[in-house]
């Protein structure tokens, strides 16, 4: 996650939507916290933040904003039992597309969430119009970052993303999106994107809750 260090201040960005969803004085698990650019703002709202980060150098910088930063691979790491059903919010912002088995990770991290807590997840949309246009011209070239980031192992459409959430035993509470780096008329394009999410979305954002029996 080291290449994604900047906080996007756009009112329609994933970062802003996450912040607007996390309640004050909550316990928050920030998975893939990087240097703490998101944890910093969450913590300023009197939240207790625990971070997980693969990159040791980035994690050491995030320590100043977090109660604890756990260094390790999210696909193999197990948290201390004290964090079982501990968090009000678990954040997986642009993480799942980097993993070999996203479903396994969702199921694992669900156990650290309170019964009334929320898991906030964002992923890029492989069916975005920009990628479709490239495919029409015979191109599918990986890039340094973005939807076709060279480190992405998984790709999602609206349908496959929602199926992943449901297969993990979660219920979709809220669905939203971003339209990328469109700064002019961002509100208009965001509203338009909600009508055609699979075409217009740059990223999908889902807030989900545990499916309780």
N, C-alpha and C. Protein backbone atom coordinates (compact mmCIF):
# COMPACT_ATOMS: atom_id res chain seq x y z
N UNK A 1 0.81 -1.21 0.00
CA UNK A 1 0.00 0.00 0.00
C UNK A 1 0.85 1.27 0.00
N UNK A 2 2.17 1.12 -0.06
CA UNK A 2 3.04 2.25 0.12
C UNK A 2 2.90 3.37 -0.88
N UNK A 3 2.41 3.06 -2.09
CA UNK A 3 2.32 4.08 -3.14
C UNK A 3 1.12 5.00 -2.95
N UNK A 4 0.16 4.59 -2.07
CA UNK A 4 -1.04 5.38 -1.86
C UNK A 4 -0.95 6.07 -0.50
N UNK A 5 -0.39 7.26 -0.49
CA UNK A 5 -0.12 7.93 0.77
C UNK A 5 -0.91 9.22 0.96
N UNK A 6 -1.56 9.71 -0.05
CA UNK A 6 -2.21 11.02 0.04
C UNK A 6 -3.69 10.88 0.36
N UNK A 7 -4.17 11.79 1.22
CA UNK A 7 -5.59 11.81 1.54
C UNK A 7 -6.33 12.62 0.49
N UNK A 8 -7.37 12.04 -0.09
CA UNK A 8 -8.16 12.71 -1.11
C UNK A 8 -9.28 13.49 -0.44
N UNK A 9 -9.24 14.83 -0.54
CA UNK A 9 -10.18 15.69 0.16
C UNK A 9 -11.49 15.92 -0.58
N UNK A 10 -11.63 15.39 -1.77
CA UNK A 10 -12.87 15.57 -2.53
C UNK A 10 -14.05 15.04 -1.71
N UNK A 11 -15.18 15.75 -1.69
CA UNK A 11 -16.34 15.28 -0.93
C UNK A 11 -16.92 13.96 -1.43
N UNK A 12 -16.51 13.55 -2.64
CA UNK A 12 -17.02 12.31 -3.22
C UNK A 12 -15.96 11.21 -3.26
N UNK A 13 -14.82 11.45 -2.62
CA UNK A 13 -13.76 10.45 -2.60
C UNK A 13 -14.07 9.35 -1.60
N UNK A 14 -13.42 8.20 -1.74
CA UNK A 14 -13.57 7.11 -0.79
C UNK A 14 -13.16 7.56 0.60
N UNK A 15 -12.06 8.31 0.69
CA UNK A 15 -11.57 8.74 1.99
C UNK A 15 -12.61 9.58 2.74
N UNK A 16 -13.18 10.55 2.05
CA UNK A 16 -14.17 11.42 2.68
C UNK A 16 -15.43 10.64 3.05
N UNK A 17 -15.85 9.74 2.18
CA UNK A 17 -17.04 8.93 2.46
C UNK A 17 -16.81 8.03 3.68
N UNK A 18 -15.59 7.51 3.83
CA UNK A 18 -15.27 6.70 5.00
C UNK A 18 -15.34 7.54 6.26
N UNK A 19 -14.71 8.71 6.22
CA UNK A 19 -14.71 9.59 7.39
C UNK A 19 -16.13 9.99 7.79
N UNK A 20 -16.97 10.23 6.82
CA UNK A 20 -18.35 10.61 7.11
C UNK A 20 -19.16 9.46 7.70
N UNK A 21 -18.65 8.25 7.54
CA UNK A 21 -19.37 7.06 8.02
C UNK A 21 -18.92 6.62 9.41
N UNK A 22 -17.69 6.99 9.80
CA UNK A 22 -17.14 6.56 11.09
C UNK A 22 -17.60 7.52 12.18
N UNK A 23 -18.29 6.99 13.16
CA UNK A 23 -18.83 7.83 14.23
C UNK A 23 -17.74 8.23 15.23
N UNK A 24 -17.92 9.36 15.83
CA UNK A 24 -17.00 9.89 16.83
C UNK A 24 -16.89 8.93 18.01
N UNK A 25 -15.70 8.84 18.58
CA UNK A 25 -15.40 8.01 19.75
C UNK A 25 -15.61 6.52 19.49
N UNK A 26 -15.36 6.10 18.26
CA UNK A 26 -15.49 4.69 17.91
C UNK A 26 -14.16 3.97 18.03
N UNK A 27 -14.23 2.66 18.09
CA UNK A 27 -13.04 1.80 18.01
C UNK A 27 -12.93 1.34 16.55
N UNK A 28 -11.78 1.62 15.94
CA UNK A 28 -11.64 1.43 14.49
C UNK A 28 -10.40 0.59 14.17
N UNK A 29 -10.57 -0.37 13.29
CA UNK A 29 -9.46 -1.17 12.76
C UNK A 29 -9.21 -0.72 11.33
N UNK A 30 -8.05 -0.12 11.08
CA UNK A 30 -7.68 0.39 9.76
C UNK A 30 -6.72 -0.61 9.12
N UNK A 31 -7.25 -1.46 8.25
CA UNK A 31 -6.45 -2.52 7.61
C UNK A 31 -5.74 -1.95 6.39
N UNK A 32 -4.42 -2.07 6.38
CA UNK A 32 -3.62 -1.45 5.32
C UNK A 32 -3.52 0.04 5.56
N UNK A 33 -3.13 0.41 6.78
CA UNK A 33 -3.16 1.82 7.21
C UNK A 33 -2.07 2.67 6.59
N UNK A 34 -1.08 2.05 5.92
CA UNK A 34 0.05 2.78 5.32
C UNK A 34 0.72 3.66 6.38
N UNK A 35 0.95 4.92 6.06
CA UNK A 35 1.62 5.82 7.02
C UNK A 35 0.63 6.50 7.96
N UNK A 36 -0.63 6.13 7.86
CA UNK A 36 -1.62 6.65 8.80
C UNK A 36 -2.35 7.89 8.33
N UNK A 37 -2.39 8.13 7.00
CA UNK A 37 -3.04 9.34 6.50
C UNK A 37 -4.53 9.35 6.81
N UNK A 38 -5.17 8.19 6.84
CA UNK A 38 -6.58 8.10 7.20
C UNK A 38 -6.74 7.94 8.71
N UNK A 39 -5.89 7.15 9.32
CA UNK A 39 -5.94 6.95 10.77
C UNK A 39 -5.78 8.26 11.53
N UNK A 40 -4.96 9.14 11.02
CA UNK A 40 -4.71 10.43 11.66
C UNK A 40 -6.00 11.23 11.84
N UNK A 41 -6.80 11.30 10.78
CA UNK A 41 -8.03 12.09 10.84
C UNK A 41 -9.08 11.38 11.67
N UNK A 42 -9.14 10.06 11.56
CA UNK A 42 -10.08 9.30 12.36
C UNK A 42 -9.77 9.47 13.84
N UNK A 43 -8.51 9.39 14.20
CA UNK A 43 -8.09 9.54 15.60
C UNK A 43 -8.40 10.93 16.14
N UNK A 44 -8.37 11.93 15.27
CA UNK A 44 -8.65 13.31 15.71
C UNK A 44 -10.11 13.48 16.12
N UNK A 45 -10.97 12.52 15.77
CA UNK A 45 -12.37 12.54 16.18
C UNK A 45 -12.60 11.69 17.42
N UNK A 46 -11.56 11.61 18.25
CA UNK A 46 -11.62 10.90 19.54
C UNK A 46 -11.89 9.41 19.36
N UNK A 47 -11.42 8.86 18.24
CA UNK A 47 -11.55 7.43 17.99
C UNK A 47 -10.28 6.71 18.42
N UNK A 48 -10.45 5.48 18.83
CA UNK A 48 -9.32 4.60 19.12
C UNK A 48 -9.04 3.80 17.86
N UNK A 49 -7.84 3.96 17.31
CA UNK A 49 -7.52 3.33 16.03
C UNK A 49 -6.41 2.30 16.21
N UNK A 50 -6.63 1.12 15.67
CA UNK A 50 -5.61 0.09 15.56
C UNK A 50 -5.34 -0.12 14.08
N UNK A 51 -4.08 -0.11 13.69
CA UNK A 51 -3.73 -0.25 12.29
C UNK A 51 -3.05 -1.58 12.01
N UNK A 52 -3.20 -2.04 10.79
CA UNK A 52 -2.45 -3.20 10.28
C UNK A 52 -1.74 -2.76 9.02
N UNK A 53 -0.45 -3.05 8.93
CA UNK A 53 0.32 -2.60 7.76
C UNK A 53 1.43 -3.59 7.44
N UNK A 54 1.56 -3.92 6.17
CA UNK A 54 2.59 -4.85 5.71
C UNK A 54 3.97 -4.21 5.72
N UNK A 55 4.05 -2.94 5.29
CA UNK A 55 5.32 -2.24 5.19
C UNK A 55 5.75 -1.71 6.56
N UNK A 56 6.84 -2.21 7.06
CA UNK A 56 7.29 -1.85 8.41
C UNK A 56 7.57 -0.36 8.55
N UNK A 57 8.25 0.23 7.56
CA UNK A 57 8.59 1.65 7.63
C UNK A 57 7.34 2.52 7.66
N UNK A 58 6.36 2.18 6.83
CA UNK A 58 5.11 2.93 6.82
C UNK A 58 4.37 2.76 8.14
N UNK A 59 4.35 1.54 8.65
CA UNK A 59 3.66 1.26 9.91
C UNK A 59 4.26 2.02 11.08
N UNK A 60 5.57 2.17 11.08
CA UNK A 60 6.22 2.92 12.16
C UNK A 60 5.82 4.39 12.15
N UNK A 61 5.53 4.93 10.98
CA UNK A 61 5.07 6.32 10.88
C UNK A 61 3.62 6.45 11.34
N UNK A 62 2.84 5.38 11.16
CA UNK A 62 1.43 5.42 11.54
C UNK A 62 1.24 5.28 13.05
N UNK A 63 2.27 4.83 13.76
CA UNK A 63 2.17 4.60 15.20
C UNK A 63 1.73 5.86 15.95
N UNK A 64 2.16 7.02 15.49
CA UNK A 64 1.84 8.27 16.19
C UNK A 64 0.34 8.58 16.20
N UNK A 65 -0.41 7.93 15.30
CA UNK A 65 -1.86 8.19 15.23
C UNK A 65 -2.70 7.04 15.76
N UNK A 66 -2.07 5.90 16.01
CA UNK A 66 -2.80 4.69 16.37
C UNK A 66 -2.45 4.22 17.78
N UNK A 67 -3.40 3.57 18.40
CA UNK A 67 -3.16 2.93 19.69
C UNK A 67 -2.11 1.84 19.53
N UNK A 68 -2.18 1.16 18.39
CA UNK A 68 -1.26 0.07 18.08
C UNK A 68 -1.22 -0.12 16.57
N UNK A 69 -0.05 -0.40 16.03
CA UNK A 69 0.08 -0.78 14.63
C UNK A 69 0.70 -2.17 14.58
N UNK A 70 -0.02 -3.09 13.97
CA UNK A 70 0.43 -4.48 13.86
C UNK A 70 1.06 -4.66 12.49
N UNK A 71 2.32 -5.03 12.47
CA UNK A 71 3.04 -5.20 11.22
C UNK A 71 2.92 -6.66 10.77
N UNK A 72 2.42 -6.85 9.55
CA UNK A 72 2.31 -8.21 9.05
C UNK A 72 1.42 -8.30 7.83
N UNK A 73 1.38 -9.47 7.26
CA UNK A 73 0.57 -9.73 6.07
C UNK A 73 -0.87 -10.01 6.48
N UNK A 74 -1.78 -9.23 5.96
CA UNK A 74 -3.19 -9.35 6.34
C UNK A 74 -3.75 -10.73 6.04
N UNK A 75 -3.16 -11.45 5.09
CA UNK A 75 -3.68 -12.76 4.72
C UNK A 75 -3.27 -13.86 5.71
N UNK A 76 -2.28 -13.60 6.54
CA UNK A 76 -1.83 -14.62 7.48
C UNK A 76 -1.93 -14.17 8.94
N UNK A 77 -2.10 -12.89 9.17
CA UNK A 77 -2.07 -12.35 10.52
C UNK A 77 -3.34 -12.72 11.30
N UNK A 78 -3.17 -12.96 12.59
CA UNK A 78 -4.29 -13.18 13.51
C UNK A 78 -4.14 -12.19 14.66
N UNK A 79 -5.19 -11.46 14.96
CA UNK A 79 -5.12 -10.47 16.03
C UNK A 79 -5.26 -11.14 17.39
N UNK A 80 -4.79 -10.45 18.41
CA UNK A 80 -4.93 -10.90 19.78
C UNK A 80 -6.40 -11.13 20.11
N UNK A 81 -6.67 -12.12 20.95
CA UNK A 81 -8.05 -12.44 21.31
C UNK A 81 -8.81 -11.27 21.94
N UNK A 82 -8.07 -10.31 22.48
CA UNK A 82 -8.74 -9.17 23.10
C UNK A 82 -9.51 -8.33 22.07
N UNK A 83 -9.17 -8.51 20.79
CA UNK A 83 -9.85 -7.75 19.74
C UNK A 83 -11.05 -8.49 19.14
N UNK A 84 -11.41 -9.64 19.71
CA UNK A 84 -12.58 -10.38 19.24
C UNK A 84 -13.84 -9.57 19.55
N UNK A 85 -14.65 -9.26 18.52
CA UNK A 85 -15.87 -8.44 18.64
C UNK A 85 -15.58 -7.13 19.38
N UNK A 86 -14.48 -6.50 19.01
CA UNK A 86 -13.99 -5.31 19.71
C UNK A 86 -14.30 -4.01 18.96
N UNK A 87 -14.29 -4.05 17.64
CA UNK A 87 -14.31 -2.81 16.85
C UNK A 87 -15.72 -2.43 16.39
N UNK A 88 -15.95 -1.11 16.40
CA UNK A 88 -17.19 -0.56 15.85
C UNK A 88 -17.12 -0.49 14.32
N UNK A 89 -15.90 -0.27 13.82
CA UNK A 89 -15.69 -0.17 12.37
C UNK A 89 -14.41 -0.90 11.98
N UNK A 90 -14.50 -1.69 10.92
CA UNK A 90 -13.31 -2.28 10.30
C UNK A 90 -13.24 -1.70 8.89
N UNK A 91 -12.10 -1.08 8.56
CA UNK A 91 -11.93 -0.42 7.27
C UNK A 91 -10.97 -1.22 6.39
N UNK A 92 -11.44 -1.58 5.21
CA UNK A 92 -10.62 -2.25 4.19
C UNK A 92 -10.71 -1.39 2.93
N UNK A 93 -9.96 -0.31 2.92
CA UNK A 93 -10.01 0.64 1.81
C UNK A 93 -8.98 0.27 0.75
N UNK A 94 -9.45 -0.22 -0.40
CA UNK A 94 -8.58 -0.60 -1.50
C UNK A 94 -7.53 -1.62 -1.06
N UNK A 95 -8.00 -2.65 -0.39
CA UNK A 95 -7.14 -3.72 0.12
C UNK A 95 -7.43 -5.05 -0.57
N UNK A 96 -8.71 -5.40 -0.71
CA UNK A 96 -9.08 -6.74 -1.15
C UNK A 96 -8.54 -7.10 -2.52
N UNK A 97 -8.39 -6.10 -3.39
CA UNK A 97 -7.91 -6.39 -4.75
C UNK A 97 -6.44 -6.82 -4.76
N UNK A 98 -5.74 -6.62 -3.65
CA UNK A 98 -4.33 -7.00 -3.54
C UNK A 98 -4.16 -8.42 -2.98
N UNK A 99 -5.26 -9.08 -2.62
CA UNK A 99 -5.18 -10.33 -1.87
C UNK A 99 -5.51 -11.55 -2.73
N UNK A 100 -4.95 -12.69 -2.35
CA UNK A 100 -5.20 -13.93 -3.06
C UNK A 100 -6.61 -14.46 -2.78
N UNK A 101 -7.07 -14.29 -1.54
CA UNK A 101 -8.37 -14.85 -1.15
C UNK A 101 -9.16 -13.82 -0.36
N UNK A 102 -9.79 -12.85 -1.04
CA UNK A 102 -10.54 -11.80 -0.35
C UNK A 102 -11.67 -12.33 0.53
N UNK A 103 -12.35 -13.39 0.09
CA UNK A 103 -13.46 -13.94 0.86
C UNK A 103 -12.97 -14.45 2.22
N UNK A 104 -11.87 -15.15 2.22
CA UNK A 104 -11.30 -15.67 3.47
C UNK A 104 -10.98 -14.52 4.43
N UNK A 105 -10.47 -13.43 3.90
CA UNK A 105 -10.10 -12.28 4.75
C UNK A 105 -11.34 -11.62 5.33
N UNK A 106 -12.38 -11.46 4.53
CA UNK A 106 -13.62 -10.86 5.05
C UNK A 106 -14.21 -11.70 6.18
N UNK A 107 -14.22 -13.00 5.98
CA UNK A 107 -14.75 -13.89 7.01
C UNK A 107 -13.90 -13.81 8.27
N UNK A 108 -12.59 -13.73 8.10
CA UNK A 108 -11.70 -13.67 9.26
C UNK A 108 -11.88 -12.38 10.04
N UNK A 109 -11.91 -11.26 9.32
CA UNK A 109 -11.97 -9.97 10.02
C UNK A 109 -13.36 -9.64 10.55
N UNK A 110 -14.36 -10.36 10.08
CA UNK A 110 -15.71 -10.18 10.60
C UNK A 110 -15.78 -10.49 12.09
N UNK A 111 -14.94 -11.41 12.55
CA UNK A 111 -15.00 -11.81 13.96
C UNK A 111 -14.46 -10.73 14.90
N UNK A 112 -13.75 -9.75 14.35
CA UNK A 112 -13.24 -8.65 15.19
C UNK A 112 -14.24 -7.50 15.28
N UNK A 113 -15.36 -7.64 14.61
CA UNK A 113 -16.37 -6.59 14.54
C UNK A 113 -17.46 -6.86 15.56
N UNK A 114 -17.89 -5.80 16.25
CA UNK A 114 -19.03 -5.93 17.16
C UNK A 114 -20.27 -6.34 16.37
N UNK A 115 -21.24 -6.93 17.05
CA UNK A 115 -22.45 -7.38 16.36
C UNK A 115 -23.18 -6.23 15.67
N UNK A 116 -23.08 -5.03 16.24
CA UNK A 116 -23.74 -3.87 15.65
C UNK A 116 -22.76 -2.97 14.89
N UNK A 117 -21.56 -3.49 14.64
CA UNK A 117 -20.53 -2.71 13.96
C UNK A 117 -20.67 -2.75 12.45
N UNK A 118 -19.81 -1.98 11.77
CA UNK A 118 -19.84 -1.89 10.30
C UNK A 118 -18.45 -2.17 9.73
N UNK A 119 -18.43 -2.85 8.62
CA UNK A 119 -17.19 -3.03 7.87
C UNK A 119 -17.30 -2.20 6.60
N UNK A 120 -16.30 -1.36 6.35
CA UNK A 120 -16.31 -0.43 5.23
C UNK A 120 -15.26 -0.89 4.22
N UNK A 121 -15.71 -1.15 3.00
CA UNK A 121 -14.84 -1.78 2.00
C UNK A 121 -14.92 -1.01 0.69
N UNK A 122 -13.77 -0.73 0.11
CA UNK A 122 -13.75 -0.14 -1.24
C UNK A 122 -12.84 -0.97 -2.13
N UNK A 123 -13.25 -1.07 -3.39
CA UNK A 123 -12.45 -1.77 -4.40
C UNK A 123 -12.59 -1.02 -5.73
N UNK A 124 -11.60 -1.11 -6.60
CA UNK A 124 -11.74 -0.50 -7.94
C UNK A 124 -12.68 -1.30 -8.82
N UNK A 125 -13.26 -0.64 -9.81
CA UNK A 125 -14.22 -1.25 -10.72
C UNK A 125 -13.57 -1.56 -12.06
N UNK A 126 -13.38 -2.83 -12.35
CA UNK A 126 -12.72 -3.24 -13.59
C UNK A 126 -13.60 -2.96 -14.81
N UNK A 127 -14.92 -2.76 -14.60
CA UNK A 127 -15.83 -2.50 -15.72
C UNK A 127 -15.97 -1.01 -16.01
N UNK A 128 -15.15 -0.17 -15.39
CA UNK A 128 -15.17 1.26 -15.62
C UNK A 128 -14.99 1.58 -17.11
N UNK A 129 -15.62 2.66 -17.55
CA UNK A 129 -15.60 3.01 -18.98
C UNK A 129 -14.19 3.18 -19.52
N UNK A 130 -13.24 3.60 -18.70
CA UNK A 130 -11.87 3.80 -19.17
C UNK A 130 -11.23 2.46 -19.54
N UNK A 131 -11.47 1.45 -18.70
CA UNK A 131 -10.93 0.12 -18.99
C UNK A 131 -11.62 -0.48 -20.20
N UNK A 132 -12.94 -0.28 -20.30
CA UNK A 132 -13.69 -0.80 -21.46
C UNK A 132 -13.15 -0.20 -22.76
N UNK A 133 -12.85 1.09 -22.73
CA UNK A 133 -12.32 1.75 -23.93
C UNK A 133 -10.97 1.15 -24.31
N UNK A 134 -10.13 0.90 -23.32
CA UNK A 134 -8.83 0.30 -23.60
C UNK A 134 -8.98 -1.09 -24.22
N UNK A 135 -9.95 -1.86 -23.68
CA UNK A 135 -10.18 -3.21 -24.22
C UNK A 135 -10.65 -3.14 -25.67
N UNK A 136 -11.46 -2.12 -25.97
CA UNK A 136 -11.94 -1.96 -27.35
C UNK A 136 -10.80 -1.69 -28.31
N UNK A 137 -9.73 -1.11 -27.82
CA UNK A 137 -8.57 -0.82 -28.67
C UNK A 137 -7.48 -1.89 -28.52
N UNK A 138 -7.86 -2.99 -27.84
CA UNK A 138 -6.95 -4.12 -27.71
C UNK A 138 -5.89 -3.96 -26.64
N UNK A 139 -6.14 -3.09 -25.65
CA UNK A 139 -5.13 -2.84 -24.61
C UNK A 139 -5.62 -3.32 -23.24
N UNK A 140 -4.75 -3.97 -22.51
CA UNK A 140 -4.98 -4.32 -21.11
C UNK A 140 -3.63 -4.28 -20.42
N UNK A 141 -3.08 -3.09 -20.34
CA UNK A 141 -1.73 -2.91 -19.82
C UNK A 141 -1.78 -2.52 -18.34
N UNK A 142 -1.01 -3.22 -17.53
CA UNK A 142 -0.92 -2.87 -16.12
C UNK A 142 -0.20 -1.53 -15.96
N UNK A 143 -0.54 -0.83 -14.87
CA UNK A 143 0.00 0.50 -14.63
C UNK A 143 0.59 0.58 -13.22
N UNK A 144 1.21 1.69 -12.91
CA UNK A 144 1.84 1.87 -11.61
C UNK A 144 0.81 1.98 -10.49
N UNK A 145 -0.37 2.53 -10.80
CA UNK A 145 -1.44 2.63 -9.83
C UNK A 145 -2.77 2.78 -10.57
N UNK A 146 -3.86 2.78 -9.81
CA UNK A 146 -5.17 2.89 -10.44
C UNK A 146 -5.86 1.55 -10.57
N UNK A 147 -6.88 1.48 -11.42
CA UNK A 147 -7.66 0.26 -11.58
C UNK A 147 -6.80 -0.91 -12.04
N UNK A 148 -5.86 -0.65 -12.94
CA UNK A 148 -4.99 -1.70 -13.46
C UNK A 148 -3.61 -1.69 -12.80
N UNK A 149 -3.61 -1.38 -11.50
CA UNK A 149 -2.38 -1.41 -10.72
C UNK A 149 -1.70 -2.77 -10.90
N UNK A 150 -0.41 -2.75 -11.13
CA UNK A 150 0.34 -3.97 -11.37
C UNK A 150 0.36 -4.92 -10.17
N UNK A 151 -0.04 -4.42 -8.99
CA UNK A 151 -0.07 -5.25 -7.78
C UNK A 151 -1.44 -5.86 -7.52
N UNK A 152 -2.43 -5.56 -8.36
CA UNK A 152 -3.76 -6.11 -8.16
C UNK A 152 -3.82 -7.57 -8.58
N UNK A 153 -4.36 -8.40 -7.69
CA UNK A 153 -4.51 -9.82 -7.96
C UNK A 153 -5.95 -10.19 -8.28
N UNK A 154 -6.88 -9.36 -7.86
CA UNK A 154 -8.31 -9.61 -8.06
C UNK A 154 -8.97 -8.41 -8.71
N UNK A 155 -9.99 -8.67 -9.51
CA UNK A 155 -10.74 -7.60 -10.17
C UNK A 155 -12.23 -7.78 -9.87
N UNK A 156 -12.93 -6.65 -9.72
CA UNK A 156 -14.33 -6.69 -9.32
C UNK A 156 -15.21 -5.83 -10.23
N UNK A 157 -16.42 -6.34 -10.45
CA UNK A 157 -17.51 -5.54 -11.00
C UNK A 157 -18.50 -5.32 -9.86
N UNK A 158 -19.53 -4.54 -10.11
CA UNK A 158 -20.54 -4.32 -9.07
C UNK A 158 -21.13 -5.66 -8.61
N UNK A 159 -21.45 -6.53 -9.57
CA UNK A 159 -22.09 -7.81 -9.25
C UNK A 159 -21.17 -8.71 -8.43
N UNK A 160 -19.91 -8.84 -8.84
CA UNK A 160 -19.00 -9.75 -8.13
C UNK A 160 -18.61 -9.20 -6.76
N UNK A 161 -18.54 -7.86 -6.65
CA UNK A 161 -18.23 -7.25 -5.35
C UNK A 161 -19.36 -7.51 -4.36
N UNK A 162 -20.59 -7.29 -4.79
CA UNK A 162 -21.73 -7.51 -3.91
C UNK A 162 -21.86 -8.99 -3.54
N UNK A 163 -21.58 -9.88 -4.49
CA UNK A 163 -21.62 -11.31 -4.20
C UNK A 163 -20.58 -11.69 -3.15
N UNK A 164 -19.40 -11.10 -3.23
CA UNK A 164 -18.35 -11.35 -2.25
C UNK A 164 -18.82 -10.98 -0.85
N UNK A 165 -19.47 -9.84 -0.72
CA UNK A 165 -19.96 -9.38 0.57
C UNK A 165 -20.98 -10.36 1.13
N UNK A 166 -21.91 -10.77 0.30
CA UNK A 166 -22.97 -11.68 0.74
C UNK A 166 -22.40 -13.06 1.09
N UNK A 167 -21.45 -13.55 0.28
CA UNK A 167 -20.82 -14.85 0.55
C UNK A 167 -20.05 -14.86 1.86
N UNK A 168 -19.62 -13.70 2.30
CA UNK A 168 -18.88 -13.59 3.57
C UNK A 168 -19.81 -13.53 4.78
N UNK A 169 -21.12 -13.63 4.53
CA UNK A 169 -22.07 -13.59 5.63
C UNK A 169 -22.35 -12.19 6.13
N UNK A 170 -22.24 -11.22 5.23
CA UNK A 170 -22.49 -9.83 5.57
C UNK A 170 -23.71 -9.33 4.83
N UNK A 171 -24.34 -8.30 5.37
CA UNK A 171 -25.47 -7.66 4.73
C UNK A 171 -25.07 -6.26 4.29
N UNK A 172 -25.41 -5.90 3.08
CA UNK A 172 -25.06 -4.58 2.54
C UNK A 172 -25.99 -3.53 3.15
N UNK A 173 -25.38 -2.60 3.85
CA UNK A 173 -26.12 -1.52 4.51
C UNK A 173 -26.19 -0.28 3.63
N UNK A 174 -25.10 -0.01 2.91
CA UNK A 174 -25.04 1.16 2.04
C UNK A 174 -24.10 0.89 0.88
N UNK A 175 -24.49 1.33 -0.30
CA UNK A 175 -23.65 1.20 -1.50
C UNK A 175 -23.37 2.60 -2.05
N UNK A 176 -22.11 2.86 -2.37
CA UNK A 176 -21.75 4.15 -2.95
C UNK A 176 -20.59 3.94 -3.92
N UNK A 177 -20.07 5.03 -4.46
CA UNK A 177 -19.02 4.92 -5.47
C UNK A 177 -18.23 6.21 -5.57
N UNK A 178 -17.15 6.15 -6.33
CA UNK A 178 -16.41 7.35 -6.73
C UNK A 178 -16.33 7.33 -8.25
N UNK A 179 -16.05 8.49 -8.83
CA UNK A 179 -15.90 8.57 -10.28
C UNK A 179 -14.48 8.97 -10.66
N UNK A 180 -13.53 8.74 -9.76
CA UNK A 180 -12.13 8.99 -10.08
C UNK A 180 -11.73 10.44 -9.89
N UNK A 181 -10.83 10.90 -10.73
CA UNK A 181 -10.22 12.22 -10.57
C UNK A 181 -10.96 13.32 -11.33
N UNK A 182 -12.28 13.22 -11.42
CA UNK A 182 -13.07 14.26 -12.09
C UNK A 182 -13.37 15.38 -11.10
N UNK A 183 -12.66 16.48 -11.21
CA UNK A 183 -12.82 17.58 -10.27
C UNK A 183 -13.89 18.57 -10.71
N UNK A 184 -14.14 18.67 -12.00
CA UNK A 184 -15.16 19.58 -12.51
C UNK A 184 -16.50 18.86 -12.54
N UNK A 185 -17.52 19.49 -11.93
CA UNK A 185 -18.86 18.91 -11.87
C UNK A 185 -18.84 17.53 -11.22
N UNK A 186 -18.03 17.39 -10.17
CA UNK A 186 -17.88 16.09 -9.51
C UNK A 186 -19.21 15.58 -8.97
N UNK A 187 -20.02 16.50 -8.42
CA UNK A 187 -21.32 16.10 -7.88
C UNK A 187 -22.24 15.56 -8.96
N UNK A 188 -22.23 16.20 -10.10
CA UNK A 188 -23.07 15.75 -11.23
C UNK A 188 -22.66 14.35 -11.68
N UNK A 189 -21.35 14.15 -11.85
CA UNK A 189 -20.88 12.85 -12.33
C UNK A 189 -21.10 11.76 -11.28
N UNK A 190 -21.02 12.14 -9.99
CA UNK A 190 -21.29 11.16 -8.94
C UNK A 190 -22.75 10.72 -9.01
N UNK A 191 -23.67 11.68 -9.16
CA UNK A 191 -25.09 11.34 -9.28
C UNK A 191 -25.36 10.50 -10.52
N UNK A 192 -24.70 10.86 -11.62
CA UNK A 192 -24.84 10.09 -12.86
C UNK A 192 -24.29 8.69 -12.67
N UNK A 193 -23.18 8.59 -11.93
CA UNK A 193 -22.58 7.29 -11.68
C UNK A 193 -23.48 6.37 -10.89
N UNK A 194 -24.27 6.93 -9.97
CA UNK A 194 -25.18 6.11 -9.18
C UNK A 194 -26.27 5.49 -10.05
N UNK A 195 -26.56 6.13 -11.19
CA UNK A 195 -27.55 5.57 -12.12
C UNK A 195 -26.93 4.48 -12.99
N UNK A 196 -25.62 4.59 -13.27
CA UNK A 196 -24.91 3.62 -14.10
C UNK A 196 -23.61 3.20 -13.40
N UNK A 197 -23.72 2.59 -12.22
CA UNK A 197 -22.52 2.32 -11.41
C UNK A 197 -21.49 1.41 -12.09
N UNK A 198 -21.94 0.39 -12.81
CA UNK A 198 -20.98 -0.54 -13.38
C UNK A 198 -20.18 0.07 -14.52
N UNK A 199 -20.73 1.12 -15.12
CA UNK A 199 -20.03 1.80 -16.22
C UNK A 199 -19.20 2.98 -15.73
N UNK A 200 -19.77 3.77 -14.83
CA UNK A 200 -19.16 5.03 -14.44
C UNK A 200 -18.25 4.95 -13.21
N UNK A 201 -18.47 3.97 -12.34
CA UNK A 201 -17.72 3.91 -11.09
C UNK A 201 -16.23 3.67 -11.33
N UNK A 202 -15.42 4.45 -10.64
CA UNK A 202 -13.99 4.20 -10.58
C UNK A 202 -13.70 3.24 -9.42
N UNK A 203 -14.37 3.49 -8.30
CA UNK A 203 -14.31 2.60 -7.14
C UNK A 203 -15.73 2.38 -6.62
N UNK A 204 -15.96 1.20 -6.08
CA UNK A 204 -17.19 0.92 -5.34
C UNK A 204 -16.89 1.02 -3.85
N UNK A 205 -17.88 1.46 -3.10
CA UNK A 205 -17.76 1.52 -1.64
C UNK A 205 -19.00 0.86 -1.04
N UNK A 206 -18.79 -0.11 -0.19
CA UNK A 206 -19.90 -0.77 0.51
C UNK A 206 -19.67 -0.70 2.01
N UNK A 207 -20.72 -0.33 2.72
CA UNK A 207 -20.75 -0.44 4.18
C UNK A 207 -21.64 -1.63 4.49
N UNK A 208 -21.11 -2.60 5.21
CA UNK A 208 -21.84 -3.83 5.48
C UNK A 208 -21.85 -4.13 6.98
N UNK A 209 -22.82 -4.95 7.35
CA UNK A 209 -22.94 -5.38 8.74
C UNK A 209 -23.01 -6.89 8.80
N UNK A 210 -22.74 -7.42 9.99
CA UNK A 210 -22.85 -8.86 10.17
C UNK A 210 -24.28 -9.31 9.93
N UNK A 211 -24.41 -10.45 9.30
CA UNK A 211 -25.72 -11.06 9.15
C UNK A 211 -25.98 -11.91 10.38
N UNK A 212 -26.87 -11.42 11.24
CA UNK A 212 -27.11 -12.09 12.51
C UNK A 212 -28.32 -13.03 12.38
N UNK A 213 -28.17 -14.22 12.93
CA UNK A 213 -29.26 -15.20 12.87
C UNK A 213 -30.30 -14.91 13.94
